Amino acid sequence: LGEALGNTLAAATAGAAIIIAAALLLAYAARASKGPFVGVALRAATLGYALPGAVIAVGVFSAGAFVLGGAVAQITGLAALLYAYLARFMTAGLNIVSGGLGGVTKAVDGAARVLGADGGRIAMRIHAPLIAPSLAAAAIILFVDIAKELPATLILRDFNFETLATRVYRLASDERLGEAAPAALTLIGLGALPAIVLSLIGRRR
């Protein structure tokens, strides 16, 4: 159980961080340019949320087999999982991050540039504090989504890599419900605690 919890925390934390970084990149690209290339990139990035995790996993296998010349056995592990999580949950992260960044008007950027601030200082000194609540909300939602994701994790994980979700599935499939209960309760707790935090943040705001 402890190993499954550690794997879940590692995968969910890493996945949420990668998705938020990619969402920030796309959100800033959309803010800077309204060209067709950016529009296509945004649409492509948000397609995965409508697809089941198993379909995403098959897509990762197909793309990996094409790149590696059919060595499908090598297309597993944490890297493949993180790529699948990025494709699957990018929409959720991008919507939240874009919403937070959209609340910062371009007039603020213009005023900062008049005062001599460059793009990096504007992002760190002005944007970062203003969108911090949105980033926190995105991190919590993505963490919970990834922690409870089963199909893609079940297909793409290494044989010795087990998360809480896969542990519950495996034990419940064998009708070992008593052994599955601690992992299931731990997974419920991982989802409940962030929900409480989000509720408190919403009340304060």
N, C-alpha and C. Protein backbone atom coordinates (compact mmCIF):
# COMPACT_ATOMS: atom_id res chain seq x y z
N LEU A 1 0.83 -1.20 0.00
CA LEU A 1 0.00 0.00 0.00
C LEU A 1 0.87 1.25 0.00
N GLY A 2 1.93 1.24 0.80
CA GLY A 2 2.82 2.40 0.86
C GLY A 2 3.51 2.66 -0.47
N GLU A 3 3.92 1.58 -1.14
CA GLU A 3 4.56 1.73 -2.44
C GLU A 3 3.57 2.26 -3.47
N ALA A 4 2.33 1.76 -3.45
CA ALA A 4 1.32 2.24 -4.38
C ALA A 4 1.00 3.71 -4.13
N LEU A 5 0.96 4.11 -2.85
CA LEU A 5 0.71 5.51 -2.51
C LEU A 5 1.85 6.39 -3.02
N GLY A 6 3.09 5.94 -2.81
CA GLY A 6 4.23 6.72 -3.28
C GLY A 6 4.24 6.87 -4.79
N ASN A 7 3.93 5.78 -5.50
CA ASN A 7 3.86 5.86 -6.96
C ASN A 7 2.76 6.80 -7.42
N THR A 8 1.62 6.75 -6.73
CA THR A 8 0.51 7.64 -7.08
C THR A 8 0.88 9.09 -6.88
N LEU A 9 1.50 9.40 -5.74
CA LEU A 9 1.90 10.77 -5.46
C LEU A 9 2.93 11.26 -6.47
N ALA A 10 3.89 10.40 -6.81
CA ALA A 10 4.93 10.79 -7.78
C ALA A 10 4.35 11.04 -9.15
N ALA A 11 3.51 10.11 -9.63
CA ALA A 11 2.94 10.25 -10.97
C ALA A 11 2.00 11.45 -11.05
N ALA A 12 1.16 11.62 -10.02
CA ALA A 12 0.19 12.72 -10.04
C ALA A 12 0.88 14.08 -9.93
N THR A 13 1.90 14.17 -9.09
CA THR A 13 2.62 15.43 -8.93
C THR A 13 3.37 15.79 -10.20
N ALA A 14 4.10 14.82 -10.75
CA ALA A 14 4.86 15.08 -11.98
C ALA A 14 3.92 15.40 -13.14
N GLY A 15 2.83 14.65 -13.25
CA GLY A 15 1.89 14.90 -14.33
C GLY A 15 1.26 16.27 -14.24
N ALA A 16 0.85 16.66 -13.04
CA ALA A 16 0.24 17.98 -12.86
C ALA A 16 1.23 19.09 -13.18
N ALA A 17 2.48 18.92 -12.77
CA ALA A 17 3.49 19.95 -13.04
C ALA A 17 3.74 20.10 -14.54
N ILE A 18 3.83 18.98 -15.26
CA ILE A 18 4.07 19.03 -16.70
C ILE A 18 2.89 19.67 -17.42
N ILE A 19 1.68 19.30 -17.02
CA ILE A 19 0.49 19.85 -17.68
C ILE A 19 0.38 21.35 -17.44
N ILE A 20 0.64 21.79 -16.23
CA ILE A 20 0.55 23.22 -15.93
C ILE A 20 1.60 23.99 -16.72
N ALA A 21 2.82 23.44 -16.82
CA ALA A 21 3.87 24.11 -17.60
C ALA A 21 3.46 24.22 -19.06
N ALA A 22 2.92 23.15 -19.63
CA ALA A 22 2.47 23.19 -21.02
C ALA A 22 1.29 24.13 -21.19
N ALA A 23 0.38 24.14 -20.21
CA ALA A 23 -0.77 25.03 -20.28
C ALA A 23 -0.34 26.50 -20.23
N LEU A 24 0.63 26.80 -19.38
CA LEU A 24 1.15 28.17 -19.32
C LEU A 24 1.76 28.58 -20.66
N LEU A 25 2.51 27.66 -21.27
CA LEU A 25 3.13 27.97 -22.55
C LEU A 25 2.08 28.27 -23.61
N LEU A 26 1.04 27.44 -23.68
CA LEU A 26 -0.01 27.65 -24.67
C LEU A 26 -0.83 28.90 -24.35
N ALA A 27 -1.10 29.13 -23.08
CA ALA A 27 -1.90 30.30 -22.69
C ALA A 27 -1.17 31.59 -23.04
N TYR A 28 0.14 31.64 -22.80
CA TYR A 28 0.91 32.83 -23.16
C TYR A 28 1.03 32.98 -24.68
N ALA A 29 1.12 31.85 -25.39
CA ALA A 29 1.17 31.93 -26.85
C ALA A 29 -0.14 32.49 -27.39
N ALA A 30 -1.27 32.04 -26.82
CA ALA A 30 -2.56 32.56 -27.25
C ALA A 30 -2.73 34.03 -26.88
N ARG A 31 -2.14 34.42 -25.77
CA ARG A 31 -2.24 35.82 -25.34
C ARG A 31 -1.42 36.72 -26.26
N ALA A 32 -0.28 36.20 -26.74
CA ALA A 32 0.61 37.02 -27.56
C ALA A 32 0.20 37.05 -29.02
N SER A 33 -0.46 35.99 -29.49
CA SER A 33 -0.79 35.91 -30.91
C SER A 33 -2.14 35.23 -31.10
N LYS A 34 -2.89 35.71 -32.06
CA LYS A 34 -4.18 35.11 -32.42
C LYS A 34 -4.11 34.46 -33.80
N GLY A 35 -2.89 34.08 -34.21
CA GLY A 35 -2.71 33.51 -35.53
C GLY A 35 -3.31 32.12 -35.67
N PRO A 36 -3.44 31.64 -36.89
CA PRO A 36 -4.05 30.33 -37.12
C PRO A 36 -3.24 29.18 -36.53
N PHE A 37 -1.92 29.30 -36.50
CA PHE A 37 -1.09 28.22 -35.96
C PHE A 37 -1.39 28.02 -34.48
N VAL A 38 -1.49 29.12 -33.74
CA VAL A 38 -1.80 29.02 -32.31
C VAL A 38 -3.18 28.43 -32.10
N GLY A 39 -4.14 28.85 -32.94
CA GLY A 39 -5.49 28.30 -32.83
C GLY A 39 -5.53 26.80 -33.06
N VAL A 40 -4.78 26.33 -34.05
CA VAL A 40 -4.72 24.89 -34.33
C VAL A 40 -4.06 24.16 -33.17
N ALA A 41 -3.00 24.74 -32.63
CA ALA A 41 -2.31 24.11 -31.50
C ALA A 41 -3.23 24.00 -30.28
N LEU A 42 -4.02 25.03 -30.03
CA LEU A 42 -4.95 25.00 -28.90
C LEU A 42 -6.02 23.93 -29.10
N ARG A 43 -6.54 23.83 -30.31
CA ARG A 43 -7.57 22.81 -30.58
C ARG A 43 -6.99 21.40 -30.46
N ALA A 44 -5.78 21.22 -30.97
CA ALA A 44 -5.15 19.90 -30.90
C ALA A 44 -4.86 19.52 -29.45
N ALA A 45 -4.47 20.50 -28.64
CA ALA A 45 -4.12 20.21 -27.26
C ALA A 45 -5.33 19.84 -26.42
N THR A 46 -6.52 20.25 -26.85
CA THR A 46 -7.72 20.01 -26.05
C THR A 46 -8.56 18.85 -26.55
N LEU A 47 -8.05 18.09 -27.51
CA LEU A 47 -8.82 16.97 -28.04
C LEU A 47 -8.85 15.78 -27.09
N GLY A 48 -7.82 15.61 -26.30
CA GLY A 48 -7.68 14.40 -25.50
C GLY A 48 -8.71 14.23 -24.42
N TYR A 49 -9.29 15.32 -23.93
CA TYR A 49 -10.22 15.22 -22.80
C TYR A 49 -11.50 14.49 -23.18
N ALA A 50 -11.81 14.48 -24.48
CA ALA A 50 -13.02 13.80 -24.93
C ALA A 50 -12.80 12.31 -25.19
N LEU A 51 -11.56 11.86 -25.08
CA LEU A 51 -11.23 10.47 -25.38
C LEU A 51 -11.05 9.67 -24.10
N PRO A 52 -11.46 8.41 -24.09
CA PRO A 52 -11.21 7.56 -22.92
C PRO A 52 -9.71 7.32 -22.73
N GLY A 53 -9.34 7.01 -21.50
CA GLY A 53 -7.93 6.77 -21.22
C GLY A 53 -7.36 5.61 -22.00
N ALA A 54 -8.17 4.58 -22.24
CA ALA A 54 -7.69 3.42 -23.00
C ALA A 54 -7.35 3.81 -24.44
N VAL A 55 -8.15 4.71 -25.03
CA VAL A 55 -7.87 5.17 -26.39
C VAL A 55 -6.58 5.98 -26.42
N ILE A 56 -6.37 6.82 -25.41
CA ILE A 56 -5.13 7.58 -25.32
C ILE A 56 -3.94 6.63 -25.23
N ALA A 57 -4.07 5.58 -24.42
CA ALA A 57 -2.98 4.61 -24.27
C ALA A 57 -2.67 3.92 -25.59
N VAL A 58 -3.71 3.53 -26.33
CA VAL A 58 -3.49 2.91 -27.64
C VAL A 58 -2.80 3.90 -28.58
N GLY A 59 -3.19 5.16 -28.52
CA GLY A 59 -2.52 6.17 -29.34
C GLY A 59 -1.05 6.32 -29.00
N VAL A 60 -0.73 6.27 -27.70
CA VAL A 60 0.67 6.34 -27.29
C VAL A 60 1.43 5.14 -27.82
N PHE A 61 0.83 3.95 -27.72
CA PHE A 61 1.45 2.75 -28.26
C PHE A 61 1.70 2.89 -29.76
N SER A 62 0.70 3.38 -30.48
CA SER A 62 0.81 3.50 -31.94
C SER A 62 1.91 4.48 -32.32
N ALA A 63 1.91 5.64 -31.67
CA ALA A 63 2.93 6.64 -31.98
C ALA A 63 4.31 6.13 -31.60
N GLY A 64 4.41 5.48 -30.45
CA GLY A 64 5.71 4.94 -30.03
C GLY A 64 6.19 3.83 -30.93
N ALA A 65 5.28 2.97 -31.37
CA ALA A 65 5.67 1.89 -32.28
C ALA A 65 6.16 2.45 -33.61
N PHE A 66 5.55 3.54 -34.06
CA PHE A 66 5.99 4.17 -35.31
C PHE A 66 7.39 4.76 -35.16
N VAL A 67 7.63 5.42 -34.03
CA VAL A 67 8.92 6.06 -33.81
C VAL A 67 10.01 5.03 -33.56
N LEU A 68 9.70 4.01 -32.75
CA LEU A 68 10.71 3.02 -32.36
C LEU A 68 10.76 1.81 -33.29
N GLY A 69 10.01 1.86 -34.36
CA GLY A 69 10.07 0.77 -35.31
C GLY A 69 9.44 -0.51 -34.84
N GLY A 70 8.35 -0.40 -34.08
CA GLY A 70 7.64 -1.60 -33.66
C GLY A 70 8.05 -2.16 -32.33
N ALA A 71 8.98 -1.54 -31.63
CA ALA A 71 9.41 -2.04 -30.33
C ALA A 71 8.40 -1.64 -29.26
N VAL A 72 7.21 -2.24 -29.34
CA VAL A 72 6.11 -1.84 -28.46
C VAL A 72 6.43 -2.13 -27.01
N ALA A 73 7.21 -3.16 -26.75
CA ALA A 73 7.52 -3.53 -25.37
C ALA A 73 8.26 -2.42 -24.64
N GLN A 74 8.93 -1.52 -25.39
CA GLN A 74 9.68 -0.44 -24.76
C GLN A 74 8.80 0.78 -24.48
N ILE A 75 7.57 0.78 -24.98
CA ILE A 75 6.72 1.96 -24.86
C ILE A 75 5.86 1.85 -23.60
N THR A 76 6.51 1.75 -22.48
CA THR A 76 5.81 1.71 -21.19
C THR A 76 6.64 2.51 -20.19
N GLY A 77 6.13 2.61 -18.99
CA GLY A 77 6.87 3.29 -17.95
C GLY A 77 6.34 4.67 -17.66
N LEU A 78 7.04 5.37 -16.76
CA LEU A 78 6.57 6.66 -16.28
C LEU A 78 6.54 7.71 -17.40
N ALA A 79 7.52 7.67 -18.31
CA ALA A 79 7.54 8.66 -19.40
C ALA A 79 6.29 8.51 -20.28
N ALA A 80 5.94 7.28 -20.62
CA ALA A 80 4.74 7.05 -21.43
C ALA A 80 3.50 7.46 -20.67
N LEU A 81 3.47 7.19 -19.38
CA LEU A 81 2.31 7.58 -18.56
C LEU A 81 2.16 9.10 -18.52
N LEU A 82 3.26 9.80 -18.32
CA LEU A 82 3.19 11.26 -18.25
C LEU A 82 2.72 11.86 -19.57
N TYR A 83 3.16 11.27 -20.68
CA TYR A 83 2.71 11.74 -21.99
C TYR A 83 1.21 11.50 -22.15
N ALA A 84 0.75 10.33 -21.69
CA ALA A 84 -0.68 10.03 -21.78
C ALA A 84 -1.49 10.97 -20.88
N TYR A 85 -0.99 11.27 -19.69
CA TYR A 85 -1.68 12.21 -18.80
C TYR A 85 -1.74 13.60 -19.43
N LEU A 86 -0.65 14.00 -20.08
CA LEU A 86 -0.62 15.31 -20.75
C LEU A 86 -1.69 15.39 -21.82
N ALA A 87 -1.79 14.33 -22.64
CA ALA A 87 -2.80 14.32 -23.69
C ALA A 87 -4.21 14.24 -23.12
N ARG A 88 -4.37 13.51 -22.04
CA ARG A 88 -5.71 13.25 -21.49
C ARG A 88 -6.28 14.45 -20.73
N PHE A 89 -5.44 15.14 -19.97
CA PHE A 89 -5.94 16.16 -19.05
C PHE A 89 -5.50 17.58 -19.39
N MET A 90 -4.94 17.76 -20.59
CA MET A 90 -4.48 19.09 -20.97
C MET A 90 -5.63 20.09 -21.00
N THR A 91 -6.80 19.66 -21.41
CA THR A 91 -7.94 20.57 -21.50
C THR A 91 -8.26 21.19 -20.15
N ALA A 92 -8.30 20.35 -19.11
CA ALA A 92 -8.63 20.86 -17.77
C ALA A 92 -7.60 21.89 -17.31
N GLY A 93 -6.33 21.58 -17.49
CA GLY A 93 -5.30 22.52 -17.07
C GLY A 93 -5.31 23.80 -17.88
N LEU A 94 -5.49 23.68 -19.19
CA LEU A 94 -5.46 24.86 -20.06
C LEU A 94 -6.65 25.78 -19.79
N ASN A 95 -7.82 25.22 -19.57
CA ASN A 95 -8.99 26.05 -19.30
C ASN A 95 -8.82 26.87 -18.02
N ILE A 96 -8.30 26.25 -16.99
CA ILE A 96 -8.14 26.96 -15.72
C ILE A 96 -7.05 28.01 -15.81
N VAL A 97 -5.92 27.63 -16.40
CA VAL A 97 -4.80 28.57 -16.52
C VAL A 97 -5.18 29.74 -17.44
N SER A 98 -5.83 29.44 -18.55
CA SER A 98 -6.24 30.51 -19.47
C SER A 98 -7.24 31.44 -18.81
N GLY A 99 -8.14 30.86 -18.01
CA GLY A 99 -9.10 31.70 -17.30
C GLY A 99 -8.43 32.64 -16.33
N GLY A 100 -7.44 32.13 -15.60
CA GLY A 100 -6.72 32.99 -14.66
C GLY A 100 -5.92 34.07 -15.37
N LEU A 101 -5.25 33.69 -16.46
CA LEU A 101 -4.46 34.67 -17.20
C LEU A 101 -5.34 35.67 -17.92
N GLY A 102 -6.53 35.22 -18.32
CA GLY A 102 -7.45 36.14 -18.99
C GLY A 102 -7.96 37.24 -18.07
N GLY A 103 -7.89 37.01 -16.76
CA GLY A 103 -8.30 38.04 -15.82
C GLY A 103 -7.31 39.18 -15.68
N VAL A 104 -6.12 39.00 -16.22
CA VAL A 104 -5.10 40.06 -16.21
C VAL A 104 -5.17 40.79 -17.55
N THR A 105 -5.66 41.98 -17.55
CA THR A 105 -5.86 42.72 -18.79
C THR A 105 -4.51 43.12 -19.41
N LYS A 106 -4.53 43.29 -20.71
CA LYS A 106 -3.30 43.70 -21.40
C LYS A 106 -2.91 45.14 -21.08
N ALA A 107 -3.87 45.89 -20.55
CA ALA A 107 -3.53 47.26 -20.14
C ALA A 107 -2.51 47.25 -18.99
N VAL A 108 -2.60 46.24 -18.15
CA VAL A 108 -1.63 46.10 -17.06
C VAL A 108 -0.24 45.84 -17.64
N ASP A 109 -0.18 44.96 -18.64
CA ASP A 109 1.11 44.70 -19.29
C ASP A 109 1.66 45.98 -19.93
N GLY A 110 0.78 46.72 -20.59
CA GLY A 110 1.23 47.95 -21.23
C GLY A 110 1.77 48.96 -20.23
N ALA A 111 1.10 49.08 -19.10
CA ALA A 111 1.58 50.02 -18.08
C ALA A 111 2.94 49.59 -17.55
N ALA A 112 3.14 48.27 -17.36
CA ALA A 112 4.42 47.79 -16.86
C ALA A 112 5.53 48.03 -17.88
N ARG A 113 5.23 47.85 -19.16
CA ARG A 113 6.25 48.08 -20.20
C ARG A 113 6.62 49.57 -20.27
N VAL A 114 5.64 50.43 -20.08
CA VAL A 114 5.93 51.87 -20.08
C VAL A 114 6.89 52.21 -18.95
N LEU A 115 6.76 51.49 -17.84
CA LEU A 115 7.64 51.73 -16.69
C LEU A 115 8.97 51.00 -16.81
N GLY A 116 9.21 50.31 -17.92
CA GLY A 116 10.52 49.72 -18.17
C GLY A 116 10.63 48.24 -17.88
N ALA A 117 9.54 47.55 -17.56
CA ALA A 117 9.61 46.12 -17.26
C ALA A 117 9.61 45.31 -18.55
N ASP A 118 10.45 44.27 -18.59
CA ASP A 118 10.44 43.40 -19.76
C ASP A 118 9.44 42.26 -19.54
N GLY A 119 9.35 41.35 -20.53
CA GLY A 119 8.38 40.27 -20.44
C GLY A 119 8.57 39.36 -19.25
N GLY A 120 9.83 39.06 -18.93
CA GLY A 120 10.12 38.17 -17.81
C GLY A 120 9.70 38.78 -16.49
N ARG A 121 9.99 40.06 -16.29
CA ARG A 121 9.60 40.71 -15.04
C ARG A 121 8.09 40.86 -14.93
N ILE A 122 7.44 41.09 -16.06
CA ILE A 122 5.97 41.19 -16.03
C ILE A 122 5.37 39.85 -15.60
N ALA A 123 5.91 38.77 -16.17
CA ALA A 123 5.38 37.45 -15.83
C ALA A 123 5.61 37.10 -14.37
N MET A 124 6.79 37.41 -13.85
CA MET A 124 7.14 37.00 -12.48
C MET A 124 6.57 37.95 -11.43
N ARG A 125 6.60 39.26 -11.70
CA ARG A 125 6.23 40.24 -10.67
C ARG A 125 4.76 40.60 -10.70
N ILE A 126 4.10 40.44 -11.87
CA ILE A 126 2.70 40.86 -11.99
C ILE A 126 1.79 39.65 -12.22
N HIS A 127 2.09 38.87 -13.25
CA HIS A 127 1.20 37.76 -13.59
C HIS A 127 1.19 36.67 -12.52
N ALA A 128 2.38 36.31 -12.06
CA ALA A 128 2.48 35.17 -11.12
C ALA A 128 1.62 35.36 -9.87
N PRO A 129 1.69 36.51 -9.19
CA PRO A 129 0.82 36.66 -8.00
C PRO A 129 -0.67 36.66 -8.34
N LEU A 130 -1.02 37.21 -9.50
CA LEU A 130 -2.43 37.32 -9.85
C LEU A 130 -3.04 35.98 -10.26
N ILE A 131 -2.26 35.14 -10.92
CA ILE A 131 -2.80 33.86 -11.37
C ILE A 131 -2.45 32.72 -10.43
N ALA A 132 -1.80 33.01 -9.31
CA ALA A 132 -1.43 31.95 -8.37
C ALA A 132 -2.63 31.13 -7.89
N PRO A 133 -3.78 31.75 -7.55
CA PRO A 133 -4.93 30.92 -7.16
C PRO A 133 -5.41 29.98 -8.27
N SER A 134 -5.37 30.45 -9.51
CA SER A 134 -5.77 29.60 -10.63
C SER A 134 -4.80 28.44 -10.80
N LEU A 135 -3.51 28.72 -10.65
CA LEU A 135 -2.51 27.66 -10.76
C LEU A 135 -2.68 26.63 -9.64
N ALA A 136 -2.99 27.10 -8.45
CA ALA A 136 -3.21 26.18 -7.33
C ALA A 136 -4.43 25.31 -7.58
N ALA A 137 -5.50 25.92 -8.07
CA ALA A 137 -6.71 25.16 -8.38
C ALA A 137 -6.45 24.13 -9.47
N ALA A 138 -5.71 24.55 -10.51
CA ALA A 138 -5.38 23.62 -11.60
C ALA A 138 -4.54 22.46 -11.09
N ALA A 139 -3.57 22.76 -10.23
CA ALA A 139 -2.71 21.70 -9.69
C ALA A 139 -3.52 20.69 -8.89
N ILE A 140 -4.46 21.18 -8.08
CA ILE A 140 -5.26 20.28 -7.26
C ILE A 140 -6.16 19.41 -8.12
N ILE A 141 -6.84 20.03 -9.08
CA ILE A 141 -7.76 19.27 -9.94
C ILE A 141 -7.01 18.24 -10.76
N LEU A 142 -5.87 18.63 -11.33
CA LEU A 142 -5.09 17.70 -12.13
C LEU A 142 -4.53 16.57 -11.28
N PHE A 143 -4.08 16.90 -10.08
CA PHE A 143 -3.55 15.87 -9.17
C PHE A 143 -4.60 14.80 -8.89
N VAL A 144 -5.81 15.24 -8.59
CA VAL A 144 -6.88 14.28 -8.28
C VAL A 144 -7.25 13.47 -9.51
N ASP A 145 -7.36 14.12 -10.67
CA ASP A 145 -7.72 13.41 -11.90
C ASP A 145 -6.69 12.34 -12.24
N ILE A 146 -5.40 12.68 -12.11
CA ILE A 146 -4.35 11.73 -12.44
C ILE A 146 -4.29 10.61 -11.41
N ALA A 147 -4.48 10.94 -10.14
CA ALA A 147 -4.40 9.93 -9.09
C ALA A 147 -5.45 8.83 -9.28
N LYS A 148 -6.63 9.21 -9.76
CA LYS A 148 -7.69 8.22 -9.90
C LYS A 148 -7.82 7.67 -11.32
N GLU A 149 -6.96 8.08 -12.22
CA GLU A 149 -7.02 7.59 -13.61
C GLU A 149 -6.60 6.12 -13.65
N LEU A 150 -7.39 5.30 -14.32
CA LEU A 150 -7.12 3.86 -14.34
C LEU A 150 -6.74 3.31 -15.70
N PRO A 151 -7.55 3.49 -16.78
CA PRO A 151 -7.29 2.74 -18.02
C PRO A 151 -5.89 2.95 -18.60
N ALA A 152 -5.49 4.21 -18.78
CA ALA A 152 -4.18 4.48 -19.37
C ALA A 152 -3.07 3.99 -18.44
N THR A 153 -3.24 4.19 -17.14
CA THR A 153 -2.22 3.74 -16.18
C THR A 153 -2.09 2.23 -16.21
N LEU A 154 -3.21 1.55 -16.29
CA LEU A 154 -3.20 0.09 -16.30
C LEU A 154 -2.50 -0.46 -17.54
N ILE A 155 -2.64 0.23 -18.67
CA ILE A 155 -2.08 -0.26 -19.92
C ILE A 155 -0.60 0.11 -20.07
N LEU A 156 -0.23 1.32 -19.67
CA LEU A 156 1.10 1.84 -19.96
C LEU A 156 2.11 1.66 -18.83
N ARG A 157 1.66 1.30 -17.64
CA ARG A 157 2.59 1.19 -16.51
C ARG A 157 3.53 0.00 -16.70
N ASP A 158 4.68 0.08 -16.03
CA ASP A 158 5.55 -1.08 -15.94
C ASP A 158 4.89 -2.13 -15.04
N PHE A 159 5.33 -3.37 -15.17
CA PHE A 159 4.71 -4.43 -14.39
C PHE A 159 4.95 -4.26 -12.89
N ASN A 160 6.05 -3.63 -12.51
CA ASN A 160 6.34 -3.43 -11.09
C ASN A 160 5.92 -2.05 -10.59
N PHE A 161 5.13 -1.33 -11.40
CA PHE A 161 4.66 0.02 -11.01
C PHE A 161 3.16 -0.04 -10.79
N GLU A 162 2.76 0.13 -9.54
CA GLU A 162 1.35 0.04 -9.20
C GLU A 162 0.91 1.29 -8.46
N THR A 163 -0.19 1.87 -8.89
CA THR A 163 -0.77 3.01 -8.20
C THR A 163 -1.95 2.55 -7.35
N LEU A 164 -2.52 3.47 -6.60
CA LEU A 164 -3.68 3.11 -5.79
C LEU A 164 -4.83 2.62 -6.66
N ALA A 165 -5.04 3.29 -7.80
CA ALA A 165 -6.14 2.91 -8.68
C ALA A 165 -5.95 1.51 -9.24
N THR A 166 -4.73 1.22 -9.72
CA THR A 166 -4.49 -0.11 -10.27
C THR A 166 -4.52 -1.18 -9.19
N ARG A 167 -4.09 -0.83 -7.97
CA ARG A 167 -4.14 -1.80 -6.87
C ARG A 167 -5.58 -2.15 -6.52
N VAL A 168 -6.44 -1.12 -6.45
CA VAL A 168 -7.85 -1.38 -6.16
C VAL A 168 -8.46 -2.24 -7.25
N TYR A 169 -8.16 -1.91 -8.50
CA TYR A 169 -8.71 -2.68 -9.62
C TYR A 169 -8.26 -4.14 -9.57
N ARG A 170 -6.98 -4.36 -9.35
CA ARG A 170 -6.44 -5.72 -9.36
C ARG A 170 -7.04 -6.55 -8.23
N LEU A 171 -7.07 -6.00 -7.04
CA LEU A 171 -7.59 -6.76 -5.90
C LEU A 171 -9.10 -6.97 -6.00
N ALA A 172 -9.81 -5.93 -6.46
CA ALA A 172 -11.26 -6.08 -6.60
C ALA A 172 -11.61 -7.09 -7.70
N SER A 173 -10.79 -7.13 -8.75
CA SER A 173 -11.02 -8.11 -9.82
C SER A 173 -10.87 -9.53 -9.31
N ASP A 174 -9.99 -9.72 -8.32
CA ASP A 174 -9.79 -11.04 -7.72
C ASP A 174 -10.76 -11.29 -6.56
N GLU A 175 -11.72 -10.37 -6.38
CA GLU A 175 -12.70 -10.44 -5.29
C GLU A 175 -12.04 -10.42 -3.91
N ARG A 176 -10.89 -9.77 -3.82
CA ARG A 176 -10.21 -9.58 -2.53
C ARG A 176 -10.56 -8.18 -2.02
N LEU A 177 -11.85 -7.99 -1.74
CA LEU A 177 -12.36 -6.66 -1.41
C LEU A 177 -11.78 -6.13 -0.10
N GLY A 178 -11.56 -7.01 0.84
CA GLY A 178 -10.99 -6.57 2.11
C GLY A 178 -9.60 -5.99 1.94
N GLU A 179 -8.80 -6.61 1.07
CA GLU A 179 -7.45 -6.09 0.82
C GLU A 179 -7.49 -4.83 -0.04
N ALA A 180 -8.52 -4.70 -0.87
CA ALA A 180 -8.63 -3.51 -1.72
C ALA A 180 -9.13 -2.30 -0.95
N ALA A 181 -9.79 -2.52 0.18
CA ALA A 181 -10.42 -1.41 0.91
C ALA A 181 -9.43 -0.33 1.35
N PRO A 182 -8.27 -0.67 1.95
CA PRO A 182 -7.35 0.41 2.38
C PRO A 182 -6.90 1.30 1.23
N ALA A 183 -6.58 0.69 0.09
CA ALA A 183 -6.17 1.51 -1.06
C ALA A 183 -7.32 2.37 -1.55
N ALA A 184 -8.54 1.82 -1.55
CA ALA A 184 -9.70 2.59 -2.00
C ALA A 184 -9.96 3.76 -1.07
N LEU A 185 -9.86 3.54 0.23
CA LEU A 185 -10.08 4.62 1.20
C LEU A 185 -8.99 5.68 1.09
N THR A 186 -7.76 5.24 0.85
CA THR A 186 -6.67 6.20 0.68
C THR A 186 -6.90 7.05 -0.56
N LEU A 187 -7.37 6.43 -1.63
CA LEU A 187 -7.66 7.16 -2.86
C LEU A 187 -8.80 8.16 -2.65
N ILE A 188 -9.81 7.76 -1.88
CA ILE A 188 -10.90 8.69 -1.55
C ILE A 188 -10.37 9.87 -0.76
N GLY A 189 -9.46 9.58 0.19
CA GLY A 189 -8.88 10.67 0.97
C GLY A 189 -8.08 11.63 0.12
N LEU A 190 -7.32 11.10 -0.86
CA LEU A 190 -6.56 11.97 -1.75
C LEU A 190 -7.46 12.88 -2.57
N GLY A 191 -8.67 12.41 -2.86
CA GLY A 191 -9.61 13.25 -3.60
C GLY A 191 -10.37 14.21 -2.71
N ALA A 192 -10.63 13.79 -1.46
CA ALA A 192 -11.43 14.62 -0.55
C ALA A 192 -10.63 15.80 -0.01
N LEU A 193 -9.37 15.59 0.35
CA LEU A 193 -8.58 16.67 0.95
C LEU A 193 -8.40 17.86 -0.01
N PRO A 194 -8.02 17.62 -1.28
CA PRO A 194 -7.94 18.77 -2.20
C PRO A 194 -9.28 19.46 -2.41
N ALA A 195 -10.36 18.70 -2.40
CA ALA A 195 -11.69 19.32 -2.55
C ALA A 195 -11.97 20.26 -1.39
N ILE A 196 -11.59 19.86 -0.19
CA ILE A 196 -11.76 20.72 0.98
C ILE A 196 -10.92 21.98 0.85
N VAL A 197 -9.67 21.81 0.37
CA VAL A 197 -8.79 22.97 0.19
C VAL A 197 -9.38 23.94 -0.83
N LEU A 198 -9.88 23.41 -1.95
CA LEU A 198 -10.50 24.27 -2.96
C LEU A 198 -11.71 25.01 -2.40
N SER A 199 -12.49 24.33 -1.59
CA SER A 199 -13.66 24.96 -0.98
C SER A 199 -13.24 26.11 -0.07
N LEU A 200 -12.18 25.90 0.72
CA LEU A 200 -11.70 26.95 1.62
C LEU A 200 -11.17 28.14 0.83
N ILE A 201 -10.44 27.85 -0.28
CA ILE A 201 -9.92 28.93 -1.10
C ILE A 201 -11.07 29.74 -1.70
N GLY A 202 -12.11 29.03 -2.15
CA GLY A 202 -13.26 29.72 -2.73
C GLY A 202 -13.97 30.61 -1.72
N ARG A 203 -14.08 30.14 -0.48
CA ARG A 203 -14.75 30.96 0.54
C ARG A 203 -13.93 32.19 0.89
N ARG A 204 -12.61 32.05 0.95
CA ARG A 204 -11.77 33.20 1.25
C ARG A 204 -11.85 34.25 0.16
N ARG A 205 -11.89 33.77 -1.11
CA ARG A 205 -11.95 34.73 -2.23
C ARG A 205 -13.31 35.38 -2.29
